[in-house]
Amino acid sequence: MSYPVGIPEHICDKFAELAQVVRSRGFERYSARAILHRLRWHYQIERGDMHFKVNNNYSARLARWVMREKPGMLGFFEIRDRHNSGHDMHGYRPRDDI
């Protein structure tokens, strides 16, 4: 199995585990960000690791990784085009009429 570059393997494994739990509860689609925040809760609150940090930018890479590597997970997360979407960094399209 190939993990996403720069993301610790234990983060990837726990994210995949949580995504598969959500899928097993009957959800056909779910939010990668919600799972990432649940992951934070697990480490910071349940395990008491006050120093645990996970970058918000990991959610898209983790979602793509889970759908590629885990059976039955393809299409579970909504994926947006990463390149040349026509939007600026805040998600806005430039106005053509200006």
PDB file of N, CA and C in Angstrom:
ATOM      1  N   MET A   1       0.847  -1.175   0.000  1.00  0.00           N
ATOM      2  CA  MET A   1       0.000   0.000   0.000  1.00  0.00           C
ATOM      3  C   MET A   1       0.890   1.235   0.000  1.00  0.00           C
ATOM      4  N   SER A   2       0.523   2.194  -0.800  1.00  0.00           N
ATOM      5  CA  SER A   2       1.276   3.437  -0.914  1.00  0.00           C
ATOM      6  C   SER A   2       0.538   4.548  -0.168  1.00  0.00           C
ATOM      7  N   TYR A   3       1.186   5.119   0.838  1.00  0.00           N
ATOM      8  CA  TYR A   3       0.578   6.196   1.620  1.00  0.00           C
ATOM      9  C   TYR A   3       0.832   7.541   0.944  1.00  0.00           C
ATOM     10  N   PRO A   4      -0.050   8.542   1.185  1.00  0.00           N
ATOM     11  CA  PRO A   4       0.208   9.880   0.641  1.00  0.00           C
ATOM     12  C   PRO A   4       1.504  10.451   1.210  1.00  0.00           C
ATOM     13  N   VAL A   5       2.278  11.074   0.371  1.00  0.00           N
ATOM     14  CA  VAL A   5       3.563  11.654   0.780  1.00  0.00           C
ATOM     15  C   VAL A   5       3.328  12.753   1.808  1.00  0.00           C
ATOM     16  N   GLY A   6       4.088  12.701   2.890  1.00  0.00           N
ATOM     17  CA  GLY A   6       4.056  13.762   3.892  1.00  0.00           C
ATOM     18  C   GLY A   6       3.014  13.606   4.981  1.00  0.00           C
ATOM     19  N   ILE A   7       2.162  12.602   4.878  1.00  0.00           N
ATOM     20  CA  ILE A   7       1.148  12.383   5.913  1.00  0.00           C
ATOM     21  C   ILE A   7       1.551  11.125   6.684  1.00  0.00           C
ATOM     22  N   PRO A   8       1.676  11.220   8.002  1.00  0.00           N
ATOM     23  CA  PRO A   8       2.085  10.047   8.784  1.00  0.00           C
ATOM     24  C   PRO A   8       1.144   8.853   8.564  1.00  0.00           C
ATOM     25  N   GLU A   9       1.726   7.680   8.497  1.00  0.00           N
ATOM     26  CA  GLU A   9       0.951   6.466   8.216  1.00  0.00           C
ATOM     27  C   GLU A   9      -0.155   6.228   9.237  1.00  0.00           C
ATOM     28  N   HIS A  10       0.117   6.514  10.523  1.00  0.00           N
ATOM     29  CA  HIS A  10      -0.924   6.261  11.527  1.00  0.00           C
ATOM     30  C   HIS A  10      -2.129   7.176  11.334  1.00  0.00           C
ATOM     31  N   ILE A  11      -1.909   8.378  10.796  1.00  0.00           N
ATOM     32  CA  ILE A  11      -3.013   9.294  10.479  1.00  0.00           C
ATOM     33  C   ILE A  11      -3.823   8.712   9.322  1.00  0.00           C
ATOM     34  N   CYS A  12      -3.136   8.232   8.300  1.00  0.00           N
ATOM     35  CA  CYS A  12      -3.799   7.630   7.135  1.00  0.00           C
ATOM     36  C   CYS A  12      -4.634   6.431   7.564  1.00  0.00           C
ATOM     37  N   ASP A  13      -4.049   5.569   8.358  1.00  0.00           N
ATOM     38  CA  ASP A  13      -4.743   4.361   8.786  1.00  0.00           C
ATOM     39  C   ASP A  13      -5.982   4.678   9.617  1.00  0.00           C
ATOM     40  N   LYS A  14      -5.874   5.622  10.532  1.00  0.00           N
ATOM     41  CA  LYS A  14      -7.025   5.980  11.370  1.00  0.00           C
ATOM     42  C   LYS A  14      -8.104   6.667  10.540  1.00  0.00           C
ATOM     43  N   PHE A  15      -7.708   7.529   9.596  1.00  0.00           N
ATOM     44  CA  PHE A  15      -8.671   8.175   8.708  1.00  0.00           C
ATOM     45  C   PHE A  15      -9.434   7.117   7.912  1.00  0.00           C
ATOM     46  N   ALA A  16      -8.711   6.159   7.351  1.00  0.00           N
ATOM     47  CA  ALA A  16      -9.346   5.089   6.574  1.00  0.00           C
ATOM     48  C   ALA A  16     -10.296   4.275   7.445  1.00  0.00           C
ATOM     49  N   GLU A  17      -9.873   3.975   8.661  1.00  0.00           N
ATOM     50  CA  GLU A  17     -10.713   3.209   9.587  1.00  0.00           C
ATOM     51  C   GLU A  17     -12.022   3.947   9.864  1.00  0.00           C
ATOM     52  N   LEU A  18     -11.925   5.241  10.152  1.00  0.00           N
ATOM     53  CA  LEU A  18     -13.123   6.030  10.436  1.00  0.00           C
ATOM     54  C   LEU A  18     -14.021   6.139   9.210  1.00  0.00           C
ATOM     55  N   ALA A  19     -13.439   6.319   8.030  1.00  0.00           N
ATOM     56  CA  ALA A  19     -14.220   6.405   6.789  1.00  0.00           C
ATOM     57  C   ALA A  19     -14.975   5.099   6.549  1.00  0.00           C
ATOM     58  N   GLN A  20     -14.325   3.976   6.825  1.00  0.00           N
ATOM     59  CA  GLN A  20     -14.967   2.684   6.624  1.00  0.00           C
ATOM     60  C   GLN A  20     -16.079   2.444   7.638  1.00  0.00           C
ATOM     61  N   VAL A  21     -15.936   2.976   8.844  1.00  0.00           N
ATOM     62  CA  VAL A  21     -17.011   2.890   9.838  1.00  0.00           C
ATOM     63  C   VAL A  21     -18.223   3.672   9.345  1.00  0.00           C
ATOM     64  N   VAL A  22     -17.990   4.878   8.849  1.00  0.00           N
ATOM     65  CA  VAL A  22     -19.087   5.702   8.336  1.00  0.00           C
ATOM     66  C   VAL A  22     -19.788   4.972   7.186  1.00  0.00           C
ATOM     67  N   ARG A  23     -19.002   4.407   6.273  1.00  0.00           N
ATOM     68  CA  ARG A  23     -19.560   3.667   5.127  1.00  0.00           C
ATOM     69  C   ARG A  23     -20.386   2.483   5.617  1.00  0.00           C
ATOM     70  N   SER A  24     -19.896   1.793   6.637  1.00  0.00           N
ATOM     71  CA  SER A  24     -20.604   0.614   7.149  1.00  0.00           C
ATOM     72  C   SER A  24     -21.928   0.980   7.824  1.00  0.00           C
ATOM     73  N   ARG A  25     -22.088   2.240   8.203  1.00  0.00           N
ATOM     74  CA  ARG A  25     -23.337   2.712   8.814  1.00  0.00           C
ATOM     75  C   ARG A  25     -24.379   3.091   7.771  1.00  0.00           C
ATOM     76  N   GLY A  26     -24.028   2.909   6.497  1.00  0.00           N
ATOM     77  CA  GLY A  26     -25.017   3.132   5.439  1.00  0.00           C
ATOM     78  C   GLY A  26     -24.854   4.421   4.655  1.00  0.00           C
ATOM     79  N   PHE A  27     -23.870   5.226   4.974  1.00  0.00           N
ATOM     80  CA  PHE A  27     -23.663   6.457   4.218  1.00  0.00           C
ATOM     81  C   PHE A  27     -23.026   6.130   2.870  1.00  0.00           C
ATOM     82  N   GLU A  28     -23.590   6.680   1.809  1.00  0.00           N
ATOM     83  CA  GLU A  28     -23.020   6.485   0.479  1.00  0.00           C
ATOM     84  C   GLU A  28     -21.958   7.529   0.168  1.00  0.00           C
ATOM     85  N   ARG A  29     -22.070   8.700   0.798  1.00  0.00           N
ATOM     86  CA  ARG A  29     -21.095   9.781   0.649  1.00  0.00           C
ATOM     87  C   ARG A  29     -20.941  10.441   2.009  1.00  0.00           C
ATOM     88  N   TYR A  30     -19.767  11.052   2.216  1.00  0.00           N
ATOM     89  CA  TYR A  30     -19.535  11.717   3.498  1.00  0.00           C
ATOM     90  C   TYR A  30     -18.444  12.761   3.328  1.00  0.00           C
ATOM     91  N   SER A  31     -18.282  13.584   4.332  1.00  0.00           N
ATOM     92  CA  SER A  31     -17.309  14.672   4.306  1.00  0.00           C
ATOM     93  C   SER A  31     -15.949  14.221   4.839  1.00  0.00           C
ATOM     94  N   ALA A  32     -14.922  14.384   4.011  1.00  0.00           N
ATOM     95  CA  ALA A  32     -13.558  14.072   4.445  1.00  0.00           C
ATOM     96  C   ALA A  32     -13.142  15.006   5.578  1.00  0.00           C
ATOM     97  N   ARG A  33     -13.589  16.242   5.525  1.00  0.00           N
ATOM     98  CA  ARG A  33     -13.250  17.188   6.604  1.00  0.00           C
ATOM     99  C   ARG A  33     -13.868  16.778   7.933  1.00  0.00           C
ATOM    100  N   ALA A  34     -15.091  16.274   7.887  1.00  0.00           N
ATOM    101  CA  ALA A  34     -15.736  15.818   9.127  1.00  0.00           C
ATOM    102  C   ALA A  34     -14.930  14.680   9.749  1.00  0.00           C
ATOM    103  N   ILE A  35     -14.459  13.775   8.917  1.00  0.00           N
ATOM    104  CA  ILE A  35     -13.652  12.659   9.415  1.00  0.00           C
ATOM    105  C   ILE A  35     -12.325  13.173   9.961  1.00  0.00           C
ATOM    106  N   LEU A  36     -11.732  14.148   9.294  1.00  0.00           N
ATOM    107  CA  LEU A  36     -10.477  14.724   9.778  1.00  0.00           C
ATOM    108  C   LEU A  36     -10.670  15.380  11.145  1.00  0.00           C
ATOM    109  N   HIS A  37     -11.798  16.073  11.335  1.00  0.00           N
ATOM    110  CA  HIS A  37     -12.067  16.694  12.640  1.00  0.00           C
ATOM    111  C   HIS A  37     -12.339  15.630  13.710  1.00  0.00           C
ATOM    112  N   ARG A  38     -12.974  14.539  13.316  1.00  0.00           N
ATOM    113  CA  ARG A  38     -13.177  13.426  14.261  1.00  0.00           C
ATOM    114  C   ARG A  38     -11.837  12.814  14.653  1.00  0.00           C
ATOM    115  N   LEU A  39     -10.925  12.780  13.713  1.00  0.00           N
ATOM    116  CA  LEU A  39      -9.572  12.292  13.981  1.00  0.00           C
ATOM    117  C   LEU A  39      -8.883  13.184  15.012  1.00  0.00           C
ATOM    118  N   ARG A  40      -9.037  14.488  14.857  1.00  0.00           N
ATOM    119  CA  ARG A  40      -8.494  15.412  15.857  1.00  0.00           C
ATOM    120  C   ARG A  40      -9.084  15.122  17.232  1.00  0.00           C
ATOM    121  N   TRP A  41     -10.392  14.959  17.288  1.00  0.00           N
ATOM    122  CA  TRP A  41     -11.065  14.673  18.553  1.00  0.00           C
ATOM    123  C   TRP A  41     -10.476  13.412  19.195  1.00  0.00           C
ATOM    124  N   HIS A  42     -10.277  12.398  18.376  1.00  0.00           N
ATOM    125  CA  HIS A  42      -9.733  11.133  18.878  1.00  0.00           C
ATOM    126  C   HIS A  42      -8.379  11.353  19.563  1.00  0.00           C
ATOM    127  N   TYR A  43      -7.468  12.018  18.874  1.00  0.00           N
ATOM    128  CA  TYR A  43      -6.124  12.192  19.430  1.00  0.00           C
ATOM    129  C   TYR A  43      -6.087  13.219  20.561  1.00  0.00           C
ATOM    130  N   GLN A  44      -6.751  14.356  20.373  1.00  0.00           N
ATOM    131  CA  GLN A  44      -6.646  15.428  21.360  1.00  0.00           C
ATOM    132  C   GLN A  44      -7.509  15.204  22.596  1.00  0.00           C
ATOM    133  N   ILE A  45      -8.724  14.744  22.409  1.00  0.00           N
ATOM    134  CA  ILE A  45      -9.659  14.624  23.534  1.00  0.00           C
ATOM    135  C   ILE A  45      -9.637  13.209  24.121  1.00  0.00           C
ATOM    136  N   GLU A  46      -9.864  12.216  23.279  1.00  0.00           N
ATOM    137  CA  GLU A  46      -9.935  10.841  23.791  1.00  0.00           C
ATOM    138  C   GLU A  46      -8.590  10.332  24.289  1.00  0.00           C
ATOM    139  N   ARG A  47      -7.523  10.647  23.566  1.00  0.00           N
ATOM    140  CA  ARG A  47      -6.201  10.161  23.961  1.00  0.00           C
ATOM    141  C   ARG A  47      -5.423  11.181  24.787  1.00  0.00           C
ATOM    142  N   GLY A  48      -5.913  12.429  24.841  1.00  0.00           N
ATOM    143  CA  GLY A  48      -5.270  13.450  25.658  1.00  0.00           C
ATOM    144  C   GLY A  48      -3.977  14.009  25.094  1.00  0.00           C
ATOM    145  N   ASP A  49      -3.782  13.872  23.795  1.00  0.00           N
ATOM    146  CA  ASP A  49      -2.566  14.382  23.154  1.00  0.00           C
ATOM    147  C   ASP A  49      -2.766  15.854  22.781  1.00  0.00           C
ATOM    148  N   MET A  50      -2.415  16.736  23.700  1.00  0.00           N
ATOM    149  CA  MET A  50      -2.600  18.174  23.499  1.00  0.00           C
ATOM    150  C   MET A  50      -1.718  18.726  22.385  1.00  0.00           C
ATOM    151  N   HIS A  51      -0.709  17.993  21.988  1.00  0.00           N
ATOM    152  CA  HIS A  51       0.233  18.468  20.985  1.00  0.00           C
ATOM    153  C   HIS A  51      -0.046  17.913  19.594  1.00  0.00           C
ATOM    154  N   PHE A  52      -1.081  17.081  19.475  1.00  0.00           N
ATOM    155  CA  PHE A  52      -1.413  16.508  18.175  1.00  0.00           C
ATOM    156  C   PHE A  52      -1.869  17.597  17.217  1.00  0.00           C
ATOM    157  N   LYS A  53      -1.287  17.614  16.043  1.00  0.00           N
ATOM    158  CA  LYS A  53      -1.655  18.576  14.997  1.00  0.00           C
ATOM    159  C   LYS A  53      -1.870  17.801  13.711  1.00  0.00           C
ATOM    160  N   VAL A  54      -2.871  18.201  12.958  1.00  0.00           N
ATOM    161  CA  VAL A  54      -3.095  17.642  11.631  1.00  0.00           C
ATOM    162  C   VAL A  54      -3.562  18.783  10.735  1.00  0.00           C
ATOM    163  N   ASN A  55      -2.960  18.904   9.579  1.00  0.00           N
ATOM    164  CA  ASN A  55      -3.221  19.995   8.655  1.00  0.00           C
ATOM    165  C   ASN A  55      -4.565  19.808   7.957  1.00  0.00           C
ATOM    166  N   ASN A  56      -5.376  20.872   7.881  1.00  0.00           N
ATOM    167  CA  ASN A  56      -6.655  20.812   7.173  1.00  0.00           C
ATOM    168  C   ASN A  56      -6.488  20.406   5.717  1.00  0.00           C
ATOM    169  N   ASN A  57      -5.349  20.742   5.137  1.00  0.00           N
ATOM    170  CA  ASN A  57      -5.110  20.422   3.728  1.00  0.00           C
ATOM    171  C   ASN A  57      -4.964  18.924   3.485  1.00  0.00           C
ATOM    172  N   TYR A  58      -4.828  18.141   4.533  1.00  0.00           N
ATOM    173  CA  TYR A  58      -4.708  16.690   4.379  1.00  0.00           C
ATOM    174  C   TYR A  58      -6.010  16.047   3.904  1.00  0.00           C
ATOM    175  N   SER A  59      -7.155  16.682   4.150  1.00  0.00           N
ATOM    176  CA  SER A  59      -8.433  16.013   3.899  1.00  0.00           C
ATOM    177  C   SER A  59      -8.593  15.575   2.443  1.00  0.00           C
ATOM    178  N   ALA A  60      -8.237  16.415   1.496  1.00  0.00           N
ATOM    179  CA  ALA A  60      -8.400  16.054   0.079  1.00  0.00           C
ATOM    180  C   ALA A  60      -7.476  14.896  -0.305  1.00  0.00           C
ATOM    181  N   ARG A  61      -6.233  14.959   0.153  1.00  0.00           N
ATOM    182  CA  ARG A  61      -5.290  13.879  -0.173  1.00  0.00           C
ATOM    183  C   ARG A  61      -5.695  12.573   0.483  1.00  0.00           C
ATOM    184  N   LEU A  62      -6.174  12.652   1.718  1.00  0.00           N
ATOM    185  CA  LEU A  62      -6.622  11.443   2.411  1.00  0.00           C
ATOM    186  C   LEU A  62      -7.859  10.852   1.734  1.00  0.00           C
ATOM    187  N   ALA A  63      -8.781  11.707   1.320  1.00  0.00           N
ATOM    188  CA  ALA A  63      -9.986  11.220   0.631  1.00  0.00           C
ATOM    189  C   ALA A  63      -9.612  10.493  -0.653  1.00  0.00           C
ATOM    190  N   ARG A  64      -8.732  11.090  -1.450  1.00  0.00           N
ATOM    191  CA  ARG A  64      -8.299  10.440  -2.690  1.00  0.00           C
ATOM    192  C   ARG A  64      -7.574   9.125  -2.406  1.00  0.00           C
ATOM    193  N   TRP A  65      -6.756   9.128  -1.387  1.00  0.00           N
ATOM    194  CA  TRP A  65      -6.001   7.919  -1.025  1.00  0.00           C
ATOM    195  C   TRP A  65      -6.948   6.795  -0.606  1.00  0.00           C
ATOM    196  N   VAL A  66      -7.907   7.093   0.274  1.00  0.00           N
ATOM    197  CA  VAL A  66      -8.852   6.073   0.744  1.00  0.00           C
ATOM    198  C   VAL A  66      -9.633   5.496  -0.431  1.00  0.00           C
ATOM    199  N   MET A  67     -10.105   6.347  -1.326  1.00  0.00           N
ATOM    200  CA  MET A  67     -10.895   5.849  -2.449  1.00  0.00           C
ATOM    201  C   MET A  67     -10.056   5.002  -3.404  1.00  0.00           C
ATOM    202  N   ARG A  68      -8.779   5.279  -3.480  1.00  0.00           N
ATOM    203  CA  ARG A  68      -7.882   4.509  -4.349  1.00  0.00           C
ATOM    204  C   ARG A  68      -7.458   3.181  -3.702  1.00  0.00           C
ATOM    205  N   GLU A  69      -7.211   3.201  -2.402  1.00  0.00           N
ATOM    206  CA  GLU A  69      -6.589   2.045  -1.730  1.00  0.00           C
ATOM    207  C   GLU A  69      -7.548   1.098  -1.019  1.00  0.00           C
ATOM    208  N   LYS A  70      -8.719   1.560  -0.661  1.00  0.00           N
ATOM    209  CA  LYS A  70      -9.611   0.735   0.157  1.00  0.00           C
ATOM    210  C   LYS A  70     -10.794   0.222  -0.660  1.00  0.00           C
ATOM    211  N   PRO A  71     -10.992  -1.091  -0.688  1.00  0.00           N
ATOM    212  CA  PRO A  71     -12.105  -1.675  -1.441  1.00  0.00           C
ATOM    213  C   PRO A  71     -13.455  -1.131  -0.971  1.00  0.00           C
ATOM    214  N   GLY A  72     -14.314  -0.849  -1.917  1.00  0.00           N
ATOM    215  CA  GLY A  72     -15.660  -0.381  -1.601  1.00  0.00           C
ATOM    216  C   GLY A  72     -15.765   1.093  -1.274  1.00  0.00           C
ATOM    217  N   MET A  73     -14.672   1.834  -1.341  1.00  0.00           N
ATOM    218  CA  MET A  73     -14.698   3.248  -0.953  1.00  0.00           C
ATOM    219  C   MET A  73     -14.709   4.210  -2.154  1.00  0.00           C
ATOM    220  N   LEU A  74     -14.584   3.686  -3.365  1.00  0.00           N
ATOM    221  CA  LEU A  74     -14.569   4.538  -4.548  1.00  0.00           C
ATOM    222  C   LEU A  74     -15.867   5.337  -4.628  1.00  0.00           C
ATOM    223  N   GLY A  75     -15.756   6.649  -4.789  1.00  0.00           N
ATOM    224  CA  GLY A  75     -16.917   7.524  -4.896  1.00  0.00           C
ATOM    225  C   GLY A  75     -17.499   7.969  -3.567  1.00  0.00           C
ATOM    226  N   PHE A  76     -16.899   7.561  -2.456  1.00  0.00           N
ATOM    227  CA  PHE A  76     -17.432   7.900  -1.139  1.00  0.00           C
ATOM    228  C   PHE A  76     -17.303   9.387  -0.825  1.00  0.00           C
ATOM    229  N   PHE A  77     -16.240   9.998  -1.307  1.00  0.00           N
ATOM    230  CA  PHE A  77     -16.017  11.424  -1.092  1.00  0.00           C
ATOM    231  C   PHE A  77     -16.201  12.177  -2.402  1.00  0.00           C
ATOM    232  N   GLU A  78     -16.734  13.384  -2.315  1.00  0.00           N
ATOM    233  CA  GLU A  78     -16.829  14.241  -3.496  1.00  0.00           C
ATOM    234  C   GLU A  78     -15.455  14.872  -3.719  1.00  0.00           C
ATOM    235  N   ILE A  79     -14.974  14.744  -4.918  1.00  0.00           N
ATOM    236  CA  ILE A  79     -13.646  15.248  -5.250  1.00  0.00           C
ATOM    237  C   ILE A  79     -13.785  16.351  -6.285  1.00  0.00           C
ATOM    238  N   ARG A  80     -13.079  17.418  -6.059  1.00  0.00           N
ATOM    239  CA  ARG A  80     -13.071  18.530  -7.015  1.00  0.00           C
ATOM    240  C   ARG A  80     -11.755  18.542  -7.769  1.00  0.00           C
ATOM    241  N   ASP A  81     -11.805  19.078  -8.963  1.00  0.00           N
ATOM    242  CA  ASP A  81     -10.609  19.202  -9.786  1.00  0.00           C
ATOM    243  C   ASP A  81      -9.605  20.087  -9.066  1.00  0.00           C
ATOM    244  N   ARG A  82      -8.367  19.642  -8.986  1.00  0.00           N
ATOM    245  CA  ARG A  82      -7.326  20.394  -8.285  1.00  0.00           C
ATOM    246  C   ARG A  82      -6.631  21.403  -9.176  1.00  0.00           C
ATOM    247  N   HIS A  83      -6.760  21.256 -10.475  1.00  0.00           N
ATOM    248  CA  HIS A  83      -5.978  22.081 -11.389  1.00  0.00           C
ATOM    249  C   HIS A  83      -6.877  22.926 -12.283  1.00  0.00           C
ATOM    250  N   ASN A  84      -6.551  24.194 -12.377  1.00  0.00           N
ATOM    251  CA  ASN A  84      -7.186  25.094 -13.333  1.00  0.00           C
ATOM    252  C   ASN A  84      -8.707  25.046 -13.275  1.00  0.00           C
ATOM    253  N   SER A  85      -9.253  25.228 -12.106  1.00  0.00           N
ATOM    254  CA  SER A  85     -10.705  25.173 -11.946  1.00  0.00           C
ATOM    255  C   SER A  85     -11.376  26.474 -12.353  1.00  0.00           C
ATOM    256  N   GLY A  86     -10.572  27.513 -12.608  1.00  0.00           N
ATOM    257  CA  GLY A  86     -11.150  28.798 -12.959  1.00  0.00           C
ATOM    258  C   GLY A  86     -11.523  29.631 -11.745  1.00  0.00           C
ATOM    259  N   HIS A  87     -11.257  29.133 -10.560  1.00  0.00           N
ATOM    260  CA  HIS A  87     -11.562  29.839  -9.320  1.00  0.00           C
ATOM    261  C   HIS A  87     -10.267  30.368  -8.714  1.00  0.00           C
ATOM    262  N   ASP A  88     -10.398  31.468  -7.967  1.00  0.00           N
ATOM    263  CA  ASP A  88      -9.225  31.966  -7.256  1.00  0.00           C
ATOM    264  C   ASP A  88      -9.052  31.171  -5.964  1.00  0.00           C
ATOM    265  N   MET A  89      -8.084  31.552  -5.136  1.00  0.00           N
ATOM    266  CA  MET A  89      -7.793  30.785  -3.930  1.00  0.00           C
ATOM    267  C   MET A  89      -8.925  30.777  -2.911  1.00  0.00           C
ATOM    268  N   HIS A  90      -9.918  31.685  -3.076  1.00  0.00           N
ATOM    269  CA  HIS A  90     -11.036  31.738  -2.148  1.00  0.00           C
ATOM    270  C   HIS A  90     -12.275  31.045  -2.703  1.00  0.00           C
ATOM    271  N   GLY A  91     -12.156  30.474  -3.908  1.00  0.00           N
ATOM    272  CA  GLY A  91     -13.277  29.762  -4.495  1.00  0.00           C
ATOM    273  C   GLY A  91     -14.159  30.597  -5.393  1.00  0.00           C
ATOM    274  N   TYR A  92     -13.759  31.844  -5.664  1.00  0.00           N
ATOM    275  CA  TYR A  92     -14.570  32.715  -6.505  1.00  0.00           C
ATOM    276  C   TYR A  92     -14.093  32.684  -7.945  1.00  0.00           C
ATOM    277  N   ARG A  93     -15.054  32.755  -8.863  1.00  0.00           N
ATOM    278  CA  ARG A  93     -14.712  32.872 -10.275  1.00  0.00           C
ATOM    279  C   ARG A  93     -14.537  34.356 -10.608  1.00  0.00           C
ATOM    280  N   PRO A  94     -13.567  34.668 -11.447  1.00  0.00           N
ATOM    281  CA  PRO A  94     -13.437  36.068 -11.854  1.00  0.00           C
ATOM    282  C   PRO A  94     -14.649  36.477 -12.690  1.00  0.00           C
ATOM    283  N   ARG A  95     -15.062  37.706 -12.550  1.00  0.00           N
ATOM    284  CA  ARG A  95     -16.207  38.201 -13.315  1.00  0.00           C
ATOM    285  C   ARG A  95     -15.759  38.585 -14.704  1.00  0.00           C
ATOM    286  N   ASP A  96     -16.479  38.096 -15.691  1.00  0.00           N
ATOM    287  CA  ASP A  96     -16.135  38.389 -17.080  1.00  0.00           C
ATOM    288  C   ASP A  96     -16.586  39.784 -17.513  1.00  0.00           C
ATOM    289  N   ASP A  97     -17.559  40.349 -16.810  1.00  0.00           N
ATOM    290  CA  ASP A  97     -18.141  41.615 -17.249  1.00  0.00           C
ATOM    291  C   ASP A  97     -17.428  42.849 -16.693  1.00  0.00           C
ATOM    292  N   ILE A  98     -16.318  42.677 -16.022  1.00  0.00           N
ATOM    293  CA  ILE A  98     -15.591  43.818 -15.463  1.00  0.00           C
ATOM    294  C   ILE A  98     -14.401  44.142 -16.336  1.00  0.00           C
TER     295      ILE A  98
END
